Protein backbone atom coordinates (compact mmCIF):
# COMPACT_ATOMS: atom_id res chain seq x y z
CA UNK A 1 -0.01 -0.23 0.06
CA UNK A 2 1.68 3.48 -1.19
CA UNK A 3 2.33 6.04 1.47
CA UNK A 4 2.58 9.63 1.04
CA UNK A 5 5.49 11.04 3.23
CA UNK A 6 5.24 14.73 4.29
CA UNK A 7 8.35 15.87 6.12
CA UNK A 8 6.95 19.06 7.96
CA UNK A 9 9.69 22.13 8.25
CA UNK A 10 9.44 24.46 11.14
CA UNK A 11 7.75 27.18 9.48
CA UNK A 12 4.74 24.74 8.20
CA UNK A 13 1.31 25.84 9.11
CA UNK A 14 -2.16 24.00 8.23
CA UNK A 15 -2.44 25.79 4.87
CA UNK A 16 0.98 24.67 3.67
CA UNK A 17 0.54 21.12 4.94
CA UNK A 18 -2.90 20.74 3.47
CA UNK A 19 -1.56 21.70 0.10
CA UNK A 20 1.18 19.20 0.24
CA UNK A 21 -1.07 16.55 1.28
CA UNK A 22 -2.88 16.99 -2.25
CA UNK A 23 0.38 16.34 -3.97
CA UNK A 24 0.08 12.81 -3.73
CA UNK A 25 -2.58 10.39 -4.75
CA UNK A 26 -2.23 7.57 -2.04
CA UNK A 27 -4.45 5.89 0.59
CA UNK A 28 -1.96 6.84 3.46
CA UNK A 29 -0.71 10.18 4.29
CA UNK A 30 2.09 10.09 6.95
CA UNK A 31 3.22 13.68 8.61
CA UNK A 32 6.60 13.71 9.95
CA UNK A 33 7.24 16.32 12.84
CA UNK A 34 10.97 17.88 12.64
CA UNK A 35 12.62 17.57 15.82
CA UNK A 36 12.55 20.17 18.42
CA UNK A 37 9.84 22.33 16.61
CA UNK A 38 6.57 23.34 18.16
CA UNK A 39 4.45 23.29 15.17
CA UNK A 40 0.74 22.19 14.65
CA UNK A 41 0.58 21.28 18.39
CA UNK A 42 -3.32 22.45 18.53
CA UNK A 43 -6.10 20.10 18.64
CA UNK A 44 -7.79 22.21 15.85
CA UNK A 45 -4.96 21.91 13.61
CA UNK A 46 -4.91 18.10 14.01
CA UNK A 47 -8.80 17.98 13.42
CA UNK A 48 -8.83 20.20 10.28
CA UNK A 49 -5.73 18.05 8.64
CA UNK A 50 -7.83 14.56 9.58
CA UNK A 51 -10.90 16.23 8.02
CA UNK A 52 -8.82 17.01 4.84
CA UNK A 53 -7.33 13.61 4.74
CA UNK A 54 -10.52 11.93 5.12
CA UNK A 55 -12.06 14.42 2.11
CA UNK A 56 -9.10 12.96 0.22
CA UNK A 57 -10.13 9.56 0.80
CA UNK A 58 -6.72 8.85 2.58
CA UNK A 59 -5.88 7.65 6.12
CA UNK A 60 -3.71 9.95 8.43
CA UNK A 61 -0.91 8.97 10.79
CA UNK A 62 1.90 11.09 12.43
CA UNK A 63 5.47 10.55 13.38
CA UNK A 64 6.56 12.90 16.30
CA UNK A 65 7.89 13.00 19.69
CA UNK A 66 5.68 16.24 20.83
CA UNK A 67 3.75 15.39 23.60
CA UNK A 68 1.05 17.81 23.01
CA UNK A 69 0.54 16.59 19.18
CA UNK A 70 0.81 12.96 20.48
CA UNK A 71 -1.96 13.77 23.15
CA UNK A 72 -4.60 15.55 20.76
CA UNK A 73 -3.68 12.94 17.98
CA UNK A 74 -4.69 10.14 20.64
CA UNK A 75 -8.34 12.04 21.31
CA UNK A 76 -8.72 12.14 17.57
CA UNK A 77 -7.94 8.65 16.91
CA UNK A 78 -4.96 9.43 14.66
CA UNK A 79 -2.12 6.76 14.90
CA UNK A 80 1.15 8.09 16.07
CA UNK A 81 4.43 6.50 15.41
CA UNK A 82 7.95 6.50 16.78
CA UNK A 83 9.59 6.58 13.17
CA UNK A 84 9.06 6.16 9.47
CA UNK A 85 10.06 2.48 9.33
CA UNK A 86 7.37 1.65 12.12
CA UNK A 87 4.62 3.58 10.33
CA UNK A 88 5.29 1.60 7.23
CA UNK A 89 5.42 -1.66 8.55
CA UNK A 90 2.32 -1.30 10.53
CA UNK A 91 -1.34 -1.57 9.62
CA UNK A 92 -3.21 1.57 10.33
CA UNK A 93 -6.54 0.68 11.68
CA UNK A 94 -9.27 2.83 10.92
CA UNK A 95 -11.22 4.18 14.20
CA UNK A 96 -14.81 2.87 14.77
CA UNK A 97 -16.96 5.95 15.27
CA UNK A 98 -19.45 5.63 17.73
CA UNK A 99 -22.92 6.30 16.36
CA UNK A 100 -25.81 7.35 18.23
CA UNK A 101 -29.13 6.71 16.75
CA UNK A 102 -31.78 9.41 17.18
CA UNK A 103 -35.36 7.96 17.74
CA UNK A 104 -38.02 10.33 16.87
CA UNK A 105 -41.47 9.17 17.84
CA UNK A 106 -44.55 10.78 16.85
CA UNK A 107 -47.60 10.34 19.47
CA UNK A 108 -50.77 9.91 17.44
CA UNK A 109 -53.78 11.86 18.77
CA UNK A 110 -56.17 9.62 20.70
CA UNK A 111 -59.51 9.12 18.57
CA UNK A 112 -62.60 8.39 20.54
CA UNK A 113 -65.08 5.66 19.08
CA UNK A 114 -68.19 4.03 19.46
CA UNK A 115 -68.42 0.80 20.79
CA UNK A 116 -69.97 -0.78 17.37
CA UNK A 117 -67.28 1.06 15.40
CA UNK A 118 -64.60 -0.62 17.73
CA UNK A 119 -65.96 -4.28 17.12
CA UNK A 120 -66.52 -3.62 13.53
CA UNK A 121 -62.42 -2.79 13.67
CA UNK A 122 -61.59 -5.96 15.95
CA UNK A 123 -63.75 -8.00 13.25
CA UNK A 124 -61.53 -6.29 10.38
CA UNK A 125 -58.41 -6.91 12.40
CA UNK A 126 -58.79 -10.68 13.40
CA UNK A 127 -60.53 -11.94 10.71
CA UNK A 128 -61.85 -15.85 10.78
CA UNK A 129 -59.06 -18.12 9.33
CA UNK A 130 -60.45 -19.97 6.22
CA UNK A 131 -60.93 -23.79 6.87
CA UNK A 132 -58.26 -25.02 4.39
CA UNK A 133 -55.62 -23.23 6.18
CA UNK A 134 -56.36 -25.67 9.15
CA UNK A 135 -56.11 -28.56 7.08
CA UNK A 136 -53.34 -30.70 8.15
CA UNK A 137 -51.99 -31.49 4.71
CA UNK A 138 -51.52 -27.81 4.06
CA UNK A 139 -49.98 -26.98 7.49
CA UNK A 140 -47.22 -29.64 7.05
CA UNK A 141 -46.61 -28.56 3.58
CA UNK A 142 -46.16 -24.94 4.63
CA UNK A 143 -43.84 -26.19 7.77
CA UNK A 144 -41.78 -28.18 5.20
CA UNK A 145 -41.68 -25.40 2.86
CA UNK A 146 -40.30 -22.98 5.78
CA UNK A 147 -37.93 -25.64 6.92
CA UNK A 148 -36.58 -25.78 3.51
CA UNK A 149 -36.33 -22.22 3.00
CA UNK A 150 -34.11 -21.82 6.32
CA UNK A 151 -32.03 -24.52 5.16
CA UNK A 152 -31.62 -22.55 1.93
CA UNK A 153 -30.92 -19.08 3.54
CA UNK A 154 -28.38 -21.08 6.00
CA UNK A 155 -26.69 -22.37 3.16
CA UNK A 156 -26.17 -19.11 1.30
CA UNK A 157 -25.32 -17.07 4.29
CA UNK A 158 -23.43 -19.20 6.77
CA UNK A 159 -20.50 -20.75 4.95
CA UNK A 160 -17.35 -18.43 4.44
CA UNK A 161 -13.93 -18.88 3.07
CA UNK A 162 -10.50 -17.64 3.51
CA UNK A 163 -8.05 -17.37 0.47
CA UNK A 164 -4.58 -16.77 1.26
CA UNK A 165 -2.34 -15.91 -1.58
CA UNK A 166 1.40 -14.57 -1.89
CA UNK A 167 1.85 -12.03 -4.53
CA UNK A 168 4.59 -12.23 -7.07
CA UNK A 169 7.60 -10.31 -5.84
CA UNK A 170 10.58 -8.38 -7.96
CA UNK A 171 13.48 -6.51 -6.81
CA UNK A 172 13.79 -2.92 -7.58
CA UNK A 173 17.02 -1.25 -6.93
CA UNK A 174 18.93 1.95 -7.39
CA UNK A 175 22.50 3.30 -6.90
CA UNK A 176 22.61 6.83 -5.61
CA UNK A 177 25.55 9.31 -5.33
CA UNK A 178 25.31 10.89 -1.72
CA UNK A 179 26.68 13.86 -0.88
CA UNK A 180 26.92 15.02 2.86
CA UNK A 181 27.48 18.77 4.17
CA UNK A 182 27.16 20.40 7.59
CA UNK A 183 25.28 22.98 5.64
CA UNK A 184 22.62 20.74 4.57
CA UNK A 185 19.50 20.62 6.97
CA UNK A 186 17.11 18.21 4.94
CA UNK A 187 17.29 15.23 2.73
CA UNK A 188 16.88 15.79 -0.72
CA UNK A 189 16.13 13.51 -3.69
CA UNK A 190 19.35 14.55 -5.40
CA UNK A 191 21.42 12.68 -2.77
CA UNK A 192 21.99 15.67 -0.25
CA UNK A 193 21.70 14.88 3.19
CA UNK A 194 22.98 16.75 6.45
CA UNK A 195 26.26 15.93 8.33
CA UNK A 196 25.94 15.29 12.00
CA UNK A 197 29.05 15.71 14.40
CA UNK A 198 29.74 13.33 17.37
CA UNK A 199 32.06 14.55 20.28
CA UNK A 200 34.35 11.79 21.71
CA UNK A 201 36.75 12.47 24.80
CA UNK A 202 39.44 10.19 25.31
CA UNK A 203 42.34 9.94 27.25
CA UNK A 204 45.82 8.03 26.90
CA UNK A 205 49.23 7.89 28.30
CA UNK A 206 52.71 6.75 26.24
CA UNK A 207 56.39 6.87 27.12
CA UNK A 208 59.52 7.15 25.02
CA UNK A 209 63.32 6.40 25.72
CA UNK A 210 65.17 9.89 26.28
CA UNK A 211 67.63 10.38 23.45
CA UNK A 212 69.46 13.83 24.60
CA UNK A 213 72.20 14.41 27.40
CA UNK A 214 72.21 17.21 29.92
CA UNK A 215 75.14 18.12 32.66
CA UNK A 216 74.26 17.70 36.29
CA UNK A 217 76.26 19.42 38.96
CA UNK A 218 78.10 16.87 41.24
CA UNK A 219 81.05 18.63 43.51
CA UNK A 220 81.26 21.87 44.87
CA UNK A 221 84.04 24.62 44.16
CA UNK A 222 85.94 26.18 46.73
CA UNK A 223 88.90 28.72 47.07
CA UNK A 224 90.25 31.47 49.03
CA UNK A 225 89.67 35.37 49.08
CA UNK A 226 91.09 38.36 50.84
CA UNK A 227 89.20 41.01 52.44
CA UNK A 228 90.45 44.41 52.90
CA UNK A 229 89.00 46.99 55.62
CA UNK A 230 88.37 50.35 54.26
CA UNK A 231 87.86 51.85 57.94
CA UNK A 232 89.98 52.77 60.95
CA UNK A 233 88.54 50.02 63.11
CA UNK A 234 88.70 46.08 62.76
CA UNK A 235 85.81 44.54 61.25
CA UNK A 236 84.44 40.90 62.18
CA UNK A 237 83.32 39.08 58.66
CA UNK A 238 80.87 36.03 60.20
CA UNK A 239 80.96 32.91 58.50
CA UNK A 240 78.34 32.45 55.89
CA UNK A 241 79.05 35.88 54.29
CA UNK A 242 78.16 36.07 50.82
CA UNK A 243 80.43 36.99 48.00
CA UNK A 244 80.16 36.85 44.24
CA UNK A 245 81.43 37.57 40.87
CA UNK A 246 79.51 40.13 38.66
CA UNK A 247 78.57 38.10 36.05
CA UNK A 248 74.67 37.09 34.96
CA UNK A 249 73.71 35.28 36.79
CA UNK A 250 76.51 35.84 39.51
CA UNK A 251 78.20 33.01 40.85
CA UNK A 252 77.82 33.38 44.70
CA UNK A 253 80.22 31.69 47.46
CA UNK A 254 79.95 31.62 51.45
CA UNK A 255 82.81 32.07 53.74
CA UNK A 256 83.56 28.87 56.08
CA UNK A 257 84.73 30.78 59.19
CA UNK A 258 84.51 33.93 61.55
CA UNK A 259 87.21 36.26 60.46
CA UNK A 260 88.56 39.62 62.33
CA UNK A 261 89.67 41.97 59.47
CA UNK A 262 92.35 44.37 61.07
CA UNK A 263 93.05 47.93 59.91
CA UNK A 264 95.71 48.35 57.26
CA UNK A 265 96.50 47.02 53.84
CA UNK A 266 97.34 43.49 54.47
CA UNK A 267 93.65 42.36 55.06
CA UNK A 268 92.50 38.93 55.92
CA UNK A 269 92.37 35.58 54.02
CA UNK A 270 89.72 33.13 54.23
CA UNK A 271 88.41 29.72 52.37
CA UNK A 272 85.04 29.96 50.71
CA UNK A 273 82.80 27.38 48.99
CA UNK A 274 80.39 27.72 46.23
CA UNK A 275 76.42 27.87 46.97
CA UNK A 276 75.79 25.46 44.10
CA UNK A 277 77.75 22.39 43.06
CA UNK A 278 79.02 21.81 39.40
CA UNK A 279 81.73 23.41 37.21
CA UNK A 280 80.09 26.84 37.14
CA UNK A 281 81.83 27.46 40.50
CA UNK A 282 85.36 27.40 38.88
CA UNK A 283 86.08 30.97 38.27
CA UNK A 284 89.29 32.68 37.44
CA UNK A 285 91.50 34.85 39.62
CA UNK A 286 90.14 38.30 40.42
CA UNK A 287 86.79 37.15 39.57
CA UNK A 288 85.01 37.34 43.10
CA UNK A 289 84.98 41.32 44.03
CA UNK A 290 81.43 41.61 45.34
CA UNK A 291 80.01 41.34 48.91
CA UNK A 292 76.50 41.09 49.44
CA UNK A 293 75.15 42.83 52.64
CA UNK A 294 76.06 46.05 54.64
CA UNK A 295 79.69 44.57 54.90
CA UNK A 296 80.18 45.95 51.29
CA UNK A 297 80.18 49.57 52.43
CA UNK A 298 83.34 49.08 55.04
CA UNK A 299 85.12 46.16 52.93
CA UNK A 300 86.17 44.94 49.35
CA UNK A 301 87.40 41.38 48.45
CA UNK A 302 89.03 39.64 45.70
CA UNK A 303 90.36 36.20 44.93
CA UNK A 304 94.05 36.09 44.07
CA UNK A 305 93.92 32.56 42.84
CA UNK A 306 91.29 30.78 40.95
CA UNK A 307 88.63 28.63 42.38
CA UNK A 308 88.53 24.97 41.56
CA UNK A 309 86.97 21.50 42.78
CA UNK A 310 83.67 21.95 40.92
CA UNK A 311 82.60 19.48 38.72
CA UNK A 312 79.60 17.72 36.72
CA UNK A 313 78.48 14.35 35.10
CA UNK A 314 76.39 13.87 31.98
CA UNK A 315 73.16 12.17 32.37
CA UNK A 316 70.27 11.21 29.63
CA UNK A 317 67.34 13.53 29.41
CA UNK A 318 64.66 13.98 26.81
CA UNK A 319 64.48 16.70 24.38
CA UNK A 320 61.91 18.73 22.41
CA UNK A 321 62.23 16.13 19.54
CA UNK A 322 61.30 13.36 22.14
CA UNK A 323 58.31 15.38 23.21
CA UNK A 324 57.09 15.89 19.65
CA UNK A 325 57.53 12.50 18.63
CA UNK A 326 55.74 10.74 21.66
CA UNK A 327 52.91 13.65 21.13
CA UNK A 328 52.36 12.53 17.61
CA UNK A 329 52.16 9.14 18.41
CA UNK A 330 50.03 9.32 21.40
CA UNK A 331 47.63 11.35 19.27
CA UNK A 332 47.29 8.75 16.50
CA UNK A 333 46.79 6.16 19.12
CA UNK A 334 43.66 8.36 20.65
CA UNK A 335 42.23 8.96 17.01
CA UNK A 336 41.68 5.10 16.61
CA UNK A 337 40.49 4.84 20.25
CA UNK A 338 38.00 7.59 19.38
CA UNK A 339 36.81 5.99 16.23
CA UNK A 340 36.46 2.60 17.98
CA UNK A 341 34.20 4.19 20.94
CA UNK A 342 32.14 6.20 18.30
CA UNK A 343 31.14 2.42 16.74
CA UNK A 344 29.38 1.99 20.24
CA UNK A 345 27.55 5.27 20.08
CA UNK A 346 26.47 5.29 16.42
CA UNK A 347 22.96 3.75 15.30
CA UNK A 348 22.74 1.06 12.82
CA UNK A 349 23.36 2.18 9.69
CA UNK A 350 25.07 5.47 10.22
CA UNK A 351 28.06 6.24 8.03
CA UNK A 352 31.35 7.66 9.48
CA UNK A 353 32.36 10.31 6.84
CA UNK A 354 36.12 10.73 7.83
CA UNK A 355 38.82 8.28 9.54
CA UNK A 356 40.63 11.14 10.76
CA UNK A 357 38.87 12.78 13.97
CA UNK A 358 39.09 16.51 14.04
CA UNK A 359 41.15 17.47 17.44
CA UNK A 360 38.93 20.10 19.02
CA UNK A 361 40.70 20.77 22.22
CA UNK A 362 43.39 19.39 24.58
CA UNK A 363 41.83 19.27 28.05
CA UNK A 364 44.77 17.95 29.89
CA UNK A 365 48.47 17.24 29.11
CA UNK A 366 51.22 16.44 31.43
CA UNK A 367 54.92 15.78 30.59
CA UNK A 368 57.16 13.76 33.11
CA UNK A 369 60.01 15.04 33.51
CA UNK A 370 60.20 18.23 31.83
CA UNK A 371 62.34 18.90 28.75
CA UNK A 372 66.13 18.82 29.87
CA UNK A 373 65.64 17.19 32.81
CA UNK A 374 67.60 14.00 33.66
CA UNK A 375 65.43 11.05 33.16
CA UNK A 376 65.80 7.77 31.20
CA UNK A 377 62.31 8.07 29.65
CA UNK A 378 59.93 10.81 28.90
CA UNK A 379 56.18 9.67 29.86
CA UNK A 380 53.43 11.94 28.38
CA UNK A 381 49.60 11.73 29.48
CA UNK A 382 46.94 13.56 27.15
CA UNK A 383 43.20 13.73 27.55
CA UNK A 384 41.60 15.30 24.40
CA UNK A 385 38.10 15.85 22.77
CA UNK A 386 37.63 15.05 19.07
CA UNK A 387 34.79 15.55 16.73
CA UNK A 388 34.19 13.18 14.18
CA UNK A 389 31.44 13.81 11.41
CA UNK A 390 28.81 10.96 10.04
CA UNK A 391 25.92 10.37 8.15
CA UNK A 392 22.37 9.20 9.90
CA UNK A 393 21.41 5.87 8.65
CA UNK A 394 17.69 7.10 9.08
CA UNK A 395 18.52 9.80 6.53
CA UNK A 396 19.87 7.37 3.83
CA UNK A 397 16.89 5.14 4.54
CA UNK A 398 14.68 8.12 3.70
CA UNK A 399 16.63 9.10 0.69
CA UNK A 400 16.59 5.63 -0.69
CA UNK A 401 12.89 5.32 0.04
CA UNK A 402 12.48 8.64 -1.92
CA UNK A 403 14.42 7.78 -5.08
CA UNK A 404 12.71 4.21 -5.34
CA UNK A 405 9.36 5.80 -4.88
CA UNK A 406 9.46 7.65 -8.20
CA UNK A 407 10.25 4.32 -9.99
CA UNK A 408 7.69 1.91 -9.17
CA UNK A 409 6.33 0.08 -12.14
CA UNK A 410 2.70 0.20 -12.73
CA UNK A 411 0.50 -2.96 -11.01
CA UNK A 412 3.06 -3.48 -8.14
CA UNK A 413 2.93 -2.09 -4.53
CA UNK A 414 6.13 -1.37 -2.44
CA UNK A 415 7.11 -3.60 0.88
CA UNK A 416 9.09 -1.00 2.92
CA UNK A 417 9.76 -3.54 5.50
CA UNK A 418 12.06 -5.02 2.81
CA UNK A 419 14.16 -1.87 2.20
CA UNK A 420 18.17 -2.26 2.25
CA UNK A 421 20.72 0.28 2.01
CA UNK A 422 24.14 -0.91 1.08
CA UNK A 423 27.56 1.09 1.00
CA UNK A 424 29.16 0.93 -2.41
CA UNK A 425 31.91 3.20 -1.59
CA UNK A 426 33.97 4.61 1.00
CA UNK A 427 33.00 8.26 1.78
CA UNK A 428 35.74 10.41 0.05
CA UNK A 429 36.14 13.68 2.23
CA UNK A 430 37.14 17.12 0.41
CA UNK A 431 36.85 19.10 3.54
CA UNK A 432 35.81 18.61 7.15
CA UNK A 433 32.26 17.31 7.24
CA UNK A 434 31.81 17.14 3.75
CA UNK A 435 31.93 13.86 1.68
CA UNK A 436 30.51 12.02 -0.97
CA UNK A 437 29.98 8.10 -1.65
CA UNK A 438 27.80 5.72 -3.47
CA UNK A 439 24.89 3.64 -2.15
CA UNK A 440 22.59 0.85 -3.24
CA UNK A 441 18.84 1.18 -2.25
CA UNK A 442 16.86 -2.10 -3.38
CA UNK A 443 13.53 -3.36 -1.98
CA UNK A 444 10.71 -5.90 -2.95
CA UNK A 445 7.78 -4.95 -4.99
CA UNK A 446 4.64 -6.96 -4.81
CA UNK A 447 2.19 -7.55 -7.60
CA UNK A 448 -1.17 -5.96 -6.86
CA UNK A 449 -4.09 -7.92 -6.32
CA UNK A 450 -7.85 -6.95 -7.13
CA UNK A 451 -9.64 -8.61 -4.24
CA UNK A 452 -13.16 -8.13 -6.15
CA UNK A 453 -11.66 -9.89 -9.43
CA UNK A 454 -10.16 -12.70 -7.13
CA UNK A 455 -13.35 -13.32 -5.56
CA UNK A 456 -15.53 -13.09 -8.66
CA UNK A 457 -13.38 -15.80 -9.95
CA UNK A 458 -14.18 -18.72 -7.25
CA UNK A 459 -17.86 -18.01 -6.64
CA UNK A 460 -19.47 -21.41 -5.83
CA UNK A 461 -16.33 -23.57 -7.04
CA UNK A 462 -15.04 -26.59 -5.43
CA UNK A 463 -11.67 -25.58 -3.48
CA UNK A 464 -9.37 -27.72 -5.98
CA UNK A 465 -11.00 -25.92 -8.97
CA UNK A 466 -10.89 -22.32 -7.16
CA UNK A 467 -7.48 -22.80 -6.39
CA UNK A 468 -6.25 -23.50 -10.01
CA UNK A 469 -8.12 -20.76 -11.45
CA UNK A 470 -6.55 -18.22 -8.82
CA UNK A 471 -3.36 -19.72 -9.71
CA UNK A 472 -3.68 -19.06 -13.61
CA UNK A 473 -5.35 -15.82 -13.42
CA UNK A 474 -3.70 -13.89 -10.99
CA UNK A 475 0.18 -12.73 -10.25
CA UNK A 476 0.89 -15.10 -7.10
CA UNK A 477 3.56 -17.46 -5.92
CA UNK A 478 2.70 -20.83 -5.30
CA UNK A 479 -0.58 -22.42 -4.53
CA UNK A 480 -3.04 -20.44 -2.68
CA UNK A 481 -4.56 -21.95 0.59
CA UNK A 482 -8.43 -22.06 0.89
CA UNK A 483 -9.94 -22.46 4.35
CA UNK A 484 -14.04 -23.34 4.41
CA UNK A 485 -15.88 -22.53 7.37
CA UNK A 486 -17.13 -25.11 7.93
CA UNK A 487 -14.72 -27.36 7.01
CA UNK A 488 -16.77 -30.11 5.50
CA UNK A 489 -18.56 -27.75 3.07
CA UNK A 490 -17.87 -28.97 -0.25
CA UNK A 491 -17.77 -25.43 -2.15
CA UNK A 492 -17.14 -21.87 -1.82
CA UNK A 493 -19.90 -19.36 -0.88
CA UNK A 494 -21.69 -17.88 -3.75
CA UNK A 495 -21.97 -14.45 -1.90
CA UNK A 496 -18.78 -12.27 -2.77
CA UNK A 497 -18.65 -11.00 0.94
CA UNK A 498 -18.52 -14.27 2.49
CA UNK A 499 -15.04 -14.73 0.99
CA UNK A 500 -12.08 -13.14 2.21
CA UNK A 501 -8.79 -12.78 0.32
CA UNK A 502 -5.72 -12.15 2.62
CA UNK A 503 -2.32 -11.05 1.44
CA UNK A 504 0.33 -13.19 3.07
CA UNK A 505 2.72 -10.10 2.93
CA UNK A 506 0.69 -7.92 4.74
């Protein structure tokens, strides 16, 4: 049974929907509400649409998730389904209207009659029975005739028959070039379908051996410095007094012991140790010339000899190249993980348009250790968000249905439950979210059966004769199944309305 599918838009009203219902000449009209759109949700709208479909001689059904629409449709006895596929695979039952009969009784006026007139009328109403009617032979004859009449009526009206047939089937298929785009909002028969985006958040960890080297301080440098007193009194230099070079950054040293600097030009000599270990503490002669703190106002300092003893050792450490390499490898792994996770989220028939997810943002990134720090390996943890474009299987189903509907040959009816969508080529993406590929849509078409023609062929025939005649003159597969009620009745009924033709495919 052909169904006209009317895909409603957010701007549709009763007038525009009514006009679109008149385009097709089908016995069933299916209105499909758009998601998240509040249109035609008044009871009056649905009532007017139902009356218009009845005027066209069509059944009306809806596909919507709007609670108001579903409620009003229920009160108006309009079938409502969750999806187009469910609507096409269901039989739409016409609601039985409750009819109330209006009894109009006219009360005749009472007429006053005389006693003689009443007796006269009584005699006319109850005349004496003729003698021949009471004769036993006549009475038996009439009784027998009545019984035979009842048997004849029973023989005509009681028997019934069911004839089950399977119409002939052919397969109709079409190859369709599909073009998906984020800018496309609806499904078009040209092959244009919308692109949808699925966001996936994944997390992973990876490591790589360090390939670089770094110098690590080991031994602390030491040496001796001389303080000179610039005042006329001796000055105490406490242990831990900081002296340094004038480089940037300066190399700093601390005195080991307390030292009293007398007045005069001889000064005082004391040992100093570098504050930080490593070869950076090995400075040349006469490089330590600064005193930190208030002592620098009254004293000068200098190292007459170079400091020594500071040393480093070489250790492995991750480099920027190591970081870039492990990050690229980890992102490749997370892309594959995102695609695998997407398989569990998509509906059956959905098509992924690109095997390369788009990185939207990095939610967390931790590298241990930092670049240049000593370590045998670099460990990186990433938590990222990808977006993956896909095409909905429901849109492809709708597209295939629309294309095949336009090429149904005369004398055949589609079987929507047999519709299959097969992918012929992989999507080729030209830019993010846009892709083209080919699909094959196919379904089975059943031959149209004229019930009145089939019934007229078998009136009053024996079951075997009826089966042969139907098989010879109707486009069916196999032998028809004929069930008589009662089972022992030898022939099919002679009244057409007592024979029912059942299509096994419906």
